[in-house]
């Protein structure tokens, strides 16, 4: 099989993943030629092992995606494939689908080649270590990696170029850090921390986005059957509601709500008290991204063509797209895939929803288990939203709970829908989005946390 493929084993190739990742489905290489970059994105050739119509394929289609929980993974594929034969582990030959993209100094892909390849990853690297290395030239983490120092610096530079171009094209970057569950050795939750978008995370994100866009545009103009990742512009009524909300903070969107204008707004509110609330409400105003056999573009990332191609170990639509590309590279007939693309797109969207809901439920459950050990402890928090029955307060590590209006002492609080605030009838004391308060956990159910207000509020005592 290797003799039929492009041999890329002499390229300096690395993977960058989380410390606990076992299914390594993407690897990267980079060469600098004058002002241009040649970026290789190597994706595990899962389709070589998982044959269409076989039992493993049927089960993978049924699952649709892997589920990632804090304490375990429910994989789409058997672990002998996902963590073994398909995983781009270091020091071993692996079959891949590689896309080599020549990118100019402005971030435009000026040429590309898609090939069935054989690669050998030189290093299995971790996000934390790579970020530390790129942020400090003298970091001890560089030990043993001097031969790729310049490549990593070039990767950082290319990431910045691609990121700048993406935002110029209307991509939206939501700054909503999610709580991450840290599991202890005993199987209990040991801590909850906020995720951070580090320089190494952004390198992988930008390179995968670039590859996905390139493959989607290739498939579109080649008129191949395909599963695209599509995202509609937000409905006008939802944007109108959002406009009313940001007006409370003396903010506005001039004219039509384009990606560029929304991103300008998000940049303006960075590191201000209402940042999280505005980001969250804007995200809720967006349509849901879906899989589709028709290419209609992706509003959220400002792309005319987009697909999911870079994670075939854990997502079925990526595996489906791999089969199409492989068949077209081999000169095979792809007509039969047109009907299958619609079924794969619809089913993959449904399975993604189910997995997302399950993952959110388990995270909430684990957070509640963690907070049971902290009942009565006082925390600083920020009001994240206000309702007619109280307000939600978010701790600095992302854990959120409800302060019920009926339990706030000293006054009777009325909800002002226009100002999105609770106001005391007698004292005039108010609780607004972005206010800092001190709370203590008092009641924890299976997936919900109640807080008791210790101190906080404006315009009153």
Protein backbone atom coordinates (compact mmCIF):
# COMPACT_ATOMS: atom_id res chain seq x y z
CA UNK A 1 0.00 0.00 0.00
CA UNK A 2 2.81 2.42 0.84
CA UNK A 3 4.21 2.10 -2.70
CA UNK A 4 0.97 3.54 -4.13
CA UNK A 5 1.20 6.62 -1.93
CA UNK A 6 3.18 9.84 -1.73
CA UNK A 7 6.02 9.19 0.71
CA UNK A 8 6.15 12.14 3.15
CA UNK A 9 8.07 10.36 5.91
CA UNK A 10 11.10 12.66 5.52
CA UNK A 11 9.04 15.76 6.39
CA UNK A 12 9.40 17.13 9.90
CA UNK A 13 5.96 16.26 11.25
CA UNK A 14 4.36 16.79 14.67
CA UNK A 15 1.06 16.35 16.43
CA UNK A 16 -0.19 18.83 19.05
CA UNK A 17 -2.98 17.61 21.33
CA UNK A 18 -4.17 17.62 24.93
CA UNK A 19 -2.09 15.66 27.43
CA UNK A 20 -4.82 13.00 27.79
CA UNK A 21 -5.60 12.61 24.04
CA UNK A 22 -5.21 9.09 22.64
CA UNK A 23 -6.88 9.40 19.21
CA UNK A 24 -4.43 11.58 17.25
CA UNK A 25 -6.12 12.19 13.90
CA UNK A 26 -4.21 15.26 12.65
CA UNK A 27 -0.52 16.05 12.20
CA UNK A 28 1.17 19.11 10.70
CA UNK A 29 4.36 20.04 8.82
CA UNK A 30 5.48 23.48 7.66
CA UNK A 31 8.10 24.76 5.23
CA UNK A 32 8.96 28.42 4.60
CA UNK A 33 9.81 29.40 1.01
CA UNK A 34 10.61 33.12 0.78
CA UNK A 35 7.47 35.00 1.75
CA UNK A 36 5.26 31.94 1.21
CA UNK A 37 4.52 29.05 3.54
CA UNK A 38 3.86 25.45 2.55
CA UNK A 39 1.54 23.95 5.14
CA UNK A 40 0.90 20.21 5.22
CA UNK A 41 -2.13 19.00 7.15
CA UNK A 42 -2.03 15.21 7.46
CA UNK A 43 -5.27 13.50 8.48
CA UNK A 44 -5.48 9.83 9.47
CA UNK A 45 -6.71 7.71 6.56
CA UNK A 46 -9.53 6.07 8.50
CA UNK A 47 -11.40 5.21 5.28
CA UNK A 48 -8.60 2.78 4.36
CA UNK A 49 -9.49 0.64 7.39
CA UNK A 50 -13.24 1.30 7.78
CA UNK A 51 -14.76 0.02 4.58
CA UNK A 52 -18.11 1.37 3.41
CA UNK A 53 -20.99 -0.96 4.29
CA UNK A 54 -19.02 -3.07 6.76
CA UNK A 55 -20.05 -3.76 10.36
CA UNK A 56 -17.66 -1.18 11.82
CA UNK A 57 -18.93 1.40 9.33
CA UNK A 58 -22.56 0.65 10.27
CA UNK A 59 -21.80 1.09 13.97
CA UNK A 60 -19.77 4.27 13.32
CA UNK A 61 -22.68 5.71 11.32
CA UNK A 62 -25.11 4.80 14.12
CA UNK A 63 -22.97 6.58 16.73
CA UNK A 64 -22.12 9.48 14.42
CA UNK A 65 -19.49 10.92 16.74
CA UNK A 66 -17.33 10.16 19.75
CA UNK A 67 -18.56 11.46 23.11
CA UNK A 68 -15.99 13.10 25.38
CA UNK A 69 -16.90 13.06 29.07
CA UNK A 70 -14.67 14.28 31.93
CA UNK A 71 -13.86 10.75 33.08
CA UNK A 72 -14.13 8.68 29.89
CA UNK A 73 -14.52 8.65 26.11
CA UNK A 74 -17.21 6.75 24.23
CA UNK A 75 -15.46 6.40 20.86
CA UNK A 76 -17.08 6.25 17.43
CA UNK A 77 -14.59 3.57 16.36
CA UNK A 78 -13.07 0.59 18.20
CA UNK A 79 -10.02 1.62 20.21
CA UNK A 80 -7.80 -0.73 18.17
CA UNK A 81 -8.41 1.75 15.34
CA UNK A 82 -9.02 5.07 17.13
CA UNK A 83 -6.04 4.79 19.51
CA UNK A 84 -4.04 2.29 17.45
CA UNK A 85 -3.84 1.73 13.71
CA UNK A 86 -5.41 5.06 12.70
CA UNK A 87 -3.87 7.27 15.40
CA UNK A 88 -0.89 9.29 14.13
CA UNK A 89 1.37 8.16 16.96
CA UNK A 90 5.04 9.22 16.89
CA UNK A 91 7.77 7.08 15.39
CA UNK A 92 5.51 4.77 13.37
CA UNK A 93 4.49 4.80 9.70
CA UNK A 94 0.89 5.83 9.20
CA UNK A 95 -1.36 6.22 6.16
CA UNK A 96 -2.91 9.65 5.78
CA UNK A 97 -4.76 12.00 3.49
CA UNK A 98 -2.41 14.99 3.25
CA UNK A 99 -3.24 18.45 1.93
CA UNK A 100 -0.24 20.61 1.01
CA UNK A 101 -1.25 24.28 0.81
CA UNK A 102 0.96 27.10 -0.42
CA UNK A 103 -0.08 30.21 1.53
CA UNK A 104 1.11 33.74 0.79
CA UNK A 105 2.10 36.44 3.28
CA UNK A 106 -1.52 37.68 3.42
CA UNK A 107 -2.95 34.27 4.33
CA UNK A 108 -4.42 33.35 0.93
CA UNK A 109 -4.10 29.75 -0.28
CA UNK A 110 -2.58 30.24 -3.76
CA UNK A 111 -2.22 26.54 -4.62
CA UNK A 112 -2.81 23.16 -3.03
CA UNK A 113 -2.38 19.43 -3.58
CA UNK A 114 -4.42 16.63 -1.98
CA UNK A 115 -2.72 13.25 -1.81
CA UNK A 116 -2.91 9.81 -0.27
CA UNK A 117 0.29 9.62 1.72
CA UNK A 118 2.39 7.73 4.21
CA UNK A 119 3.84 9.81 7.05
CA UNK A 120 5.82 9.37 10.23
CA UNK A 121 5.22 11.79 13.11
CA UNK A 122 8.46 12.91 14.74
CA UNK A 123 6.99 14.24 17.99
CA UNK A 124 3.77 13.88 19.96
CA UNK A 125 3.53 17.35 21.52
CA UNK A 126 1.09 18.81 24.07
CA UNK A 127 -0.72 22.14 24.01
CA UNK A 128 0.68 23.35 27.32
CA UNK A 129 4.30 22.61 26.52
CA UNK A 130 4.17 24.12 23.02
CA UNK A 131 2.54 27.30 24.33
CA UNK A 132 5.20 27.63 27.02
CA UNK A 133 7.95 27.11 24.42
CA UNK A 134 6.53 29.74 22.08
CA UNK A 135 6.05 32.25 24.89
CA UNK A 136 9.60 31.84 26.27
CA UNK A 137 12.70 31.27 24.14
CA UNK A 138 14.57 30.07 27.24
CA UNK A 139 11.91 27.61 28.43
CA UNK A 140 13.28 24.27 29.60
CA UNK A 141 10.57 22.64 27.47
CA UNK A 142 12.74 23.32 24.38
CA UNK A 143 15.09 20.56 25.50
CA UNK A 144 14.99 17.81 22.88
CA UNK A 145 13.08 19.91 20.34
CA UNK A 146 15.77 22.26 18.99
CA UNK A 147 15.45 20.74 15.50
CA UNK A 148 11.88 22.05 15.18
CA UNK A 149 12.34 25.39 16.96
CA UNK A 150 12.21 27.45 13.75
CA UNK A 151 9.28 25.44 12.39
CA UNK A 152 7.29 26.16 15.56
CA UNK A 153 8.09 29.88 15.31
CA UNK A 154 6.98 29.83 11.67
CA UNK A 155 3.78 28.02 12.69
CA UNK A 156 3.01 30.76 15.19
CA UNK A 157 3.60 33.45 12.55
CA UNK A 158 1.41 31.68 9.98
CA UNK A 159 -1.32 31.22 12.60
CA UNK A 160 -1.35 34.97 13.23
CA UNK A 161 -1.57 35.68 9.48
CA UNK A 162 -4.44 33.21 8.97
CA UNK A 163 -6.27 34.48 12.05
CA UNK A 164 -6.01 38.10 10.91
CA UNK A 165 -7.31 37.22 7.45
CA UNK A 166 -10.18 35.19 8.90
CA UNK A 167 -11.43 38.12 10.96
CA UNK A 168 -11.08 40.44 7.98
CA UNK A 169 -13.38 38.06 6.09
CA UNK A 170 -16.08 38.29 8.79
CA UNK A 171 -15.29 35.42 11.14
CA UNK A 172 -16.61 35.83 14.71
CA UNK A 173 -14.54 34.84 17.74
CA UNK A 174 -16.68 34.26 20.82
CA UNK A 175 -14.76 34.76 24.04
CA UNK A 176 -16.68 32.34 26.26
CA UNK A 177 -14.29 30.21 28.33
CA UNK A 178 -15.90 26.92 29.39
CA UNK A 179 -15.41 25.20 32.76
CA UNK A 180 -13.08 22.19 32.50
CA UNK A 181 -13.45 19.28 34.90
CA UNK A 182 -10.21 17.99 36.46
CA UNK A 183 -10.55 14.39 37.61
CA UNK A 184 -8.56 13.09 40.56
CA UNK A 185 -6.90 9.68 40.77
CA UNK A 186 -9.75 8.36 42.91
CA UNK A 187 -12.32 9.10 40.20
CA UNK A 188 -13.70 12.16 41.99
CA UNK A 189 -13.69 15.72 40.62
CA UNK A 190 -10.60 17.40 42.08
CA UNK A 191 -11.05 20.86 40.55
CA UNK A 192 -12.95 22.97 38.04
CA UNK A 193 -10.98 25.50 35.98
CA UNK A 194 -11.65 27.72 32.98
CA UNK A 195 -10.31 26.61 29.62
CA UNK A 196 -7.75 28.92 28.03
CA UNK A 197 -7.29 29.53 24.31
CA UNK A 198 -3.50 29.33 24.11
CA UNK A 199 -1.17 30.02 21.19
CA UNK A 200 -0.80 26.29 20.47
CA UNK A 201 -4.59 25.78 20.48
CA UNK A 202 -4.86 28.61 17.98
CA UNK A 203 -2.19 27.09 15.72
CA UNK A 204 -4.13 23.84 15.41
CA UNK A 205 -7.46 25.67 15.09
CA UNK A 206 -6.27 27.91 12.24
CA UNK A 207 -4.49 25.12 10.36
CA UNK A 208 -7.52 22.81 10.56
CA UNK A 209 -9.88 25.62 9.50
CA UNK A 210 -7.63 26.33 6.52
CA UNK A 211 -7.62 22.66 5.51
CA UNK A 212 -11.40 22.31 5.91
CA UNK A 213 -12.04 25.39 3.76
CA UNK A 214 -9.63 24.19 1.07
CA UNK A 215 -11.23 20.73 0.85
CA UNK A 216 -14.77 22.17 0.80
CA UNK A 217 -13.91 24.58 -2.03
CA UNK A 218 -12.18 21.77 -3.93
CA UNK A 219 -15.24 19.50 -3.60
CA UNK A 220 -17.63 22.29 -4.63
CA UNK A 221 -15.83 23.22 -7.86
CA UNK A 222 -15.16 19.55 -8.69
CA UNK A 223 -18.94 19.02 -8.30
CA UNK A 224 -18.39 16.09 -5.95
CA UNK A 225 -21.11 14.77 -3.64
CA UNK A 226 -20.09 16.06 -0.22
CA UNK A 227 -21.19 16.83 3.32
CA UNK A 228 -20.66 20.53 4.01
CA UNK A 229 -20.70 22.29 7.37
CA UNK A 230 -23.13 25.19 6.96
CA UNK A 231 -24.21 28.06 9.19
CA UNK A 232 -26.91 30.58 8.30
CA UNK A 233 -26.83 34.27 9.17
CA UNK A 234 -28.84 35.04 12.35
CA UNK A 235 -32.56 35.83 12.00
CA UNK A 236 -33.39 39.53 12.06
CA UNK A 237 -35.76 39.22 15.02
CA UNK A 238 -32.99 37.67 17.15
CA UNK A 239 -30.58 40.41 16.15
CA UNK A 240 -33.25 43.01 17.07
CA UNK A 241 -33.46 41.48 20.57
CA UNK A 242 -29.67 41.54 20.79
CA UNK A 243 -29.60 45.21 19.71
CA UNK A 244 -32.01 46.11 22.54
CA UNK A 245 -29.83 44.26 25.03
CA UNK A 246 -26.54 45.94 24.08
CA UNK A 247 -28.29 49.34 24.06
CA UNK A 248 -28.43 48.97 27.87
CA UNK A 249 -24.65 49.36 27.79
CA UNK A 250 -24.74 52.25 25.29
CA UNK A 251 -23.58 49.97 22.49
CA UNK A 252 -24.97 49.52 18.98
CA UNK A 253 -24.36 47.75 15.67
CA UNK A 254 -24.34 50.27 12.81
CA UNK A 255 -26.41 48.97 9.90
CA UNK A 256 -26.71 45.30 9.00
CA UNK A 257 -25.27 42.79 11.46
CA UNK A 258 -22.35 41.48 9.39
CA UNK A 259 -19.63 39.29 10.84
CA UNK A 260 -17.15 42.18 10.67
CA UNK A 261 -19.46 44.53 12.60
CA UNK A 262 -20.27 41.92 15.24
CA UNK A 263 -16.58 41.19 15.72
CA UNK A 264 -15.85 44.93 16.06
CA UNK A 265 -18.43 45.04 18.88
CA UNK A 266 -16.89 42.04 20.64
CA UNK A 267 -13.43 43.61 20.44
CA UNK A 268 -14.81 46.83 21.93
CA UNK A 269 -16.21 45.11 25.04
CA UNK A 270 -13.16 42.92 25.74
CA UNK A 271 -12.26 42.82 29.45
CA UNK A 272 -15.37 44.82 30.48
CA UNK A 273 -18.01 43.59 33.01
CA UNK A 274 -20.74 42.76 30.45
CA UNK A 275 -18.35 40.91 28.07
CA UNK A 276 -19.46 37.39 29.03
CA UNK A 277 -23.18 38.25 28.93
CA UNK A 278 -22.95 39.96 25.53
CA UNK A 279 -20.89 37.12 24.05
CA UNK A 280 -23.34 34.56 25.42
CA UNK A 281 -26.46 36.35 24.15
CA UNK A 282 -24.89 36.87 20.71
CA UNK A 283 -24.04 33.17 20.54
CA UNK A 284 -27.64 32.32 21.44
CA UNK A 285 -28.81 34.66 18.68
CA UNK A 286 -26.94 32.63 16.10
CA UNK A 287 -28.44 29.86 14.01
CA UNK A 288 -27.15 26.35 14.74
CA UNK A 289 -24.43 25.02 12.46
CA UNK A 290 -25.50 21.87 10.59
CA UNK A 291 -24.29 19.32 8.08
CA UNK A 292 -25.75 19.60 4.60
CA UNK A 293 -25.23 18.10 1.12
CA UNK A 294 -25.63 21.65 -0.24
CA UNK A 295 -22.97 24.33 0.24
CA UNK A 296 -24.54 27.53 1.59
CA UNK A 297 -21.51 28.93 3.43
CA UNK A 298 -20.63 29.36 7.08
CA UNK A 299 -21.56 32.73 8.61
CA UNK A 300 -19.78 32.21 11.94
CA UNK A 301 -16.34 31.71 10.42
CA UNK A 302 -16.91 33.96 7.43
CA UNK A 303 -16.34 31.16 4.91
CA UNK A 304 -18.00 30.68 1.52
CA UNK A 305 -16.99 27.00 1.55
CA UNK A 306 -16.57 24.88 4.66
CA UNK A 307 -16.67 21.23 5.74
CA UNK A 308 -15.46 18.96 8.51
CA UNK A 309 -12.59 16.88 7.15
CA UNK A 310 -9.91 16.86 9.85
CA UNK A 311 -11.35 14.46 12.48
CA UNK A 312 -12.42 11.20 10.79
CA UNK A 313 -11.53 9.16 13.88
CA UNK A 314 -14.23 10.87 15.91
CA UNK A 315 -16.78 12.31 13.42
CA UNK A 316 -18.68 10.39 10.74
CA UNK A 317 -19.16 13.31 8.29
CA UNK A 318 -15.36 13.66 8.11
CA UNK A 319 -15.05 9.95 7.29
CA UNK A 320 -17.74 10.30 4.62
CA UNK A 321 -15.87 13.22 3.00
CA UNK A 322 -12.64 11.21 3.08
CA UNK A 323 -14.29 8.44 1.06
CA UNK A 324 -15.38 10.92 -1.62
CA UNK A 325 -11.94 12.52 -1.87
CA UNK A 326 -10.15 9.15 -1.99
CA UNK A 327 -12.51 7.89 -4.68
CA UNK A 328 -12.01 11.02 -6.79
CA UNK A 329 -8.19 10.87 -6.39
CA UNK A 330 -8.32 7.27 -7.65
CA UNK A 331 -10.51 8.25 -10.61
CA UNK A 332 -13.45 6.22 -9.30
CA UNK A 333 -17.19 6.81 -9.81
CA UNK A 334 -18.79 8.99 -7.10
CA UNK A 335 -22.35 9.40 -8.43
CA UNK A 336 -23.78 6.91 -5.93
CA UNK A 337 -22.67 9.14 -3.07
CA UNK A 338 -25.04 12.01 -3.95
CA UNK A 339 -28.03 10.30 -2.33
CA UNK A 340 -25.93 9.03 0.59
CA UNK A 341 -24.65 12.56 1.32
CA UNK A 342 -28.12 13.82 2.29
CA UNK A 343 -28.67 10.89 4.66
CA UNK A 344 -25.19 11.22 6.20
CA UNK A 345 -25.66 14.98 6.71
CA UNK A 346 -29.05 14.70 8.42
CA UNK A 347 -28.06 11.79 10.64
CA UNK A 348 -24.72 13.38 11.60
CA UNK A 349 -26.50 16.59 12.69
CA UNK A 350 -28.86 14.55 14.88
CA UNK A 351 -26.05 12.55 16.47
CA UNK A 352 -24.02 15.72 17.10
CA UNK A 353 -26.99 17.20 19.00
CA UNK A 354 -27.35 14.05 21.10
CA UNK A 355 -23.64 14.00 21.96
CA UNK A 356 -23.56 17.72 22.80
CA UNK A 357 -26.55 17.34 25.14
CA UNK A 358 -25.02 14.30 26.84
CA UNK A 359 -21.67 16.04 27.32
CA UNK A 360 -23.34 19.15 28.80
CA UNK A 361 -25.45 17.02 31.16
CA UNK A 362 -22.42 15.11 32.44
CA UNK A 363 -20.41 18.31 32.95
CA UNK A 364 -23.29 19.81 34.98
CA UNK A 365 -23.56 16.60 36.99
CA UNK A 366 -19.82 16.55 37.75
CA UNK A 367 -19.85 20.24 38.72
CA UNK A 368 -22.69 19.59 41.16
CA UNK A 369 -20.81 16.64 42.64
CA UNK A 370 -17.79 18.93 43.10
CA UNK A 371 -19.85 21.72 44.70
CA UNK A 372 -21.41 19.37 47.25
CA UNK A 373 -18.06 19.52 49.02
CA UNK A 374 -18.19 23.33 49.09
CA UNK A 375 -21.67 24.00 50.52
CA UNK A 376 -21.53 27.06 52.78
CA UNK A 377 -18.21 28.26 51.40
CA UNK A 378 -18.17 31.90 50.21
CA UNK A 379 -17.21 32.77 46.63
CA UNK A 380 -16.78 35.93 44.56
CA UNK A 381 -19.04 35.83 41.52
CA UNK A 382 -20.34 37.90 38.60
CA UNK A 383 -24.01 38.25 37.69
CA UNK A 384 -24.31 36.57 34.28
CA UNK A 385 -28.06 36.99 33.67
CA UNK A 386 -31.13 38.39 35.40
CA UNK A 387 -34.65 36.92 35.35
CA UNK A 388 -38.00 37.57 37.01
CA UNK A 389 -37.20 34.93 39.66
CA UNK A 390 -33.64 35.99 40.53
CA UNK A 391 -30.22 36.19 38.94
CA UNK A 392 -27.58 33.71 37.86
CA UNK A 393 -24.13 34.24 39.34
CA UNK A 394 -20.96 32.79 37.82
CA UNK A 395 -17.91 31.98 39.91
CA UNK A 396 -14.48 32.85 38.58
CA UNK A 397 -13.96 29.23 37.50
CA UNK A 398 -17.12 29.22 35.35
CA UNK A 399 -19.48 27.43 37.77
CA UNK A 400 -22.93 29.04 37.64
CA UNK A 401 -25.79 28.98 40.13
CA UNK A 402 -29.10 30.73 40.83
CA UNK A 403 -29.71 33.39 43.49
CA UNK A 404 -33.47 33.38 43.97
CA UNK A 405 -35.08 36.81 44.39
CA UNK A 406 -37.33 35.54 47.18
CA UNK A 407 -34.28 34.73 49.30
CA UNK A 408 -32.54 38.10 48.95
CA UNK A 409 -33.02 39.80 52.32
CA UNK A 410 -33.92 43.40 53.08
CA UNK A 411 -36.43 44.21 50.34
CA UNK A 412 -38.91 42.93 47.78
CA UNK A 413 -37.22 42.76 44.38
CA UNK A 414 -39.04 43.42 41.11
CA UNK A 415 -37.75 42.46 37.68
CA UNK A 416 -37.37 45.31 35.17
CA UNK A 417 -37.56 43.61 31.76
CA UNK A 418 -36.46 46.74 29.88
CA UNK A 419 -33.29 47.25 31.93
CA UNK A 420 -32.75 43.53 32.68
CA UNK A 421 -32.31 44.19 36.37
CA UNK A 422 -33.79 43.37 39.76
CA UNK A 423 -34.72 46.49 41.76
CA UNK A 424 -35.69 46.71 45.42
CA UNK A 425 -39.06 48.51 45.84
CA UNK A 426 -38.05 50.20 49.11
CA UNK A 427 -34.29 50.68 48.91
CA UNK A 428 -33.86 51.07 45.14
CA UNK A 429 -30.99 48.59 45.34
CA UNK A 430 -30.35 46.92 41.98
CA UNK A 431 -28.73 43.79 40.64
CA UNK A 432 -27.42 44.11 37.07
CA UNK A 433 -25.56 41.91 34.60
CA UNK A 434 -21.82 42.26 35.24
CA UNK A 435 -22.17 43.24 38.93
CA UNK A 436 -19.77 41.53 41.34
CA UNK A 437 -21.39 39.75 44.28
CA UNK A 438 -20.37 37.35 47.04
CA UNK A 439 -22.37 34.13 47.31
CA UNK A 440 -22.40 30.78 49.07
CA UNK A 441 -23.74 27.46 47.78
CA UNK A 442 -26.76 26.35 49.81
CA UNK A 443 -28.66 23.73 47.80
CA UNK A 444 -27.41 21.34 45.13
CA UNK A 445 -29.64 19.02 43.13
CA UNK A 446 -28.56 16.58 40.41
CA UNK A 447 -27.70 19.29 37.88
CA UNK A 448 -28.56 22.62 39.51
CA UNK A 449 -26.92 24.84 42.14
CA UNK A 450 -28.65 27.42 44.34
CA UNK A 451 -26.60 30.29 45.76
CA UNK A 452 -27.33 32.47 48.75
CA UNK A 453 -26.36 36.14 48.46
CA UNK A 454 -23.82 37.24 51.06
CA UNK A 455 -23.06 40.70 49.73
CA UNK A 456 -23.54 42.80 46.58
CA UNK A 457 -25.88 44.99 44.61
CA UNK A 458 -25.85 48.64 43.54
CA UNK A 459 -27.50 51.90 44.65
CA UNK A 460 -28.36 50.77 48.13
CA UNK A 461 -27.14 49.01 51.25
